[in-house]
């Protein structure tokens, strides 16, 4: 069981940073499906980030 201590301690550490995600700044929400719609500015920022960070 000692070999799993590292994994158990780090399970609470988030892997992804969602502060800069396109859906972080929600402009509207669809009526029926309640899907969040980000602002145009956030969508453009997300596309720019993806384009510059291609591998």
Protein backbone atom coordinates (compact mmCIF):
# COMPACT_ATOMS: atom_id res chain seq x y z
CA UNK A 1 0.00 0.00 0.00
CA UNK A 2 2.92 2.39 0.49
CA UNK A 3 3.59 2.49 -3.24
CA UNK A 4 0.15 4.12 -3.82
CA UNK A 5 0.64 6.96 -1.33
CA UNK A 6 1.99 9.31 -3.99
CA UNK A 7 -1.07 8.77 -6.20
CA UNK A 8 -3.52 9.20 -3.34
CA UNK A 9 -1.91 12.46 -2.18
CA UNK A 10 -1.98 13.97 -5.66
CA UNK A 11 -5.55 13.02 -6.59
CA UNK A 12 -6.86 16.40 -5.38
CA UNK A 13 -4.45 18.39 -7.58
CA UNK A 14 -6.25 19.51 -10.77
CA UNK A 15 -4.60 18.54 -14.03
CA UNK A 16 -6.14 21.23 -16.23
CA UNK A 17 -6.41 24.95 -15.71
CA UNK A 18 -9.97 26.02 -16.52
CA UNK A 19 -9.52 29.70 -15.74
CA UNK A 20 -8.59 30.49 -19.34
CA UNK A 21 -11.13 28.20 -21.01
CA UNK A 22 -13.53 29.69 -23.55
CA UNK A 23 -16.54 28.70 -21.47
CA UNK A 24 -15.22 30.50 -18.38
CA UNK A 25 -16.87 33.75 -19.48
CA UNK A 26 -20.42 32.60 -20.26
CA UNK A 27 -22.46 35.15 -22.20
CA UNK A 28 -25.72 33.20 -22.69
CA UNK A 29 -27.26 29.82 -21.94
CA UNK A 30 -29.47 27.93 -24.38
CA UNK A 31 -33.05 27.55 -23.15
CA UNK A 32 -33.79 23.85 -23.48
CA UNK A 33 -30.36 22.24 -23.28
CA UNK A 34 -28.81 24.78 -20.84
CA UNK A 35 -25.56 24.71 -22.84
CA UNK A 36 -23.32 27.67 -21.95
CA UNK A 37 -22.40 29.94 -24.86
CA UNK A 38 -19.15 31.89 -24.47
CA UNK A 39 -18.75 35.40 -25.79
CA UNK A 40 -17.27 35.95 -29.25
CA UNK A 41 -14.17 37.47 -27.64
CA UNK A 42 -13.54 34.29 -25.63
CA UNK A 43 -14.04 32.05 -28.69
CA UNK A 44 -11.53 34.14 -30.66
CA UNK A 45 -9.02 33.94 -27.78
CA UNK A 46 -9.44 30.17 -27.56
CA UNK A 47 -8.90 29.75 -31.32
CA UNK A 48 -5.83 31.97 -31.24
CA UNK A 49 -4.39 29.96 -28.33
CA UNK A 50 -4.99 26.68 -30.18
CA UNK A 51 -3.43 28.00 -33.37
CA UNK A 52 -0.29 29.23 -31.59
CA UNK A 53 0.16 26.09 -29.49
CA UNK A 54 -0.08 23.47 -32.22
CA UNK A 55 2.42 20.66 -32.03
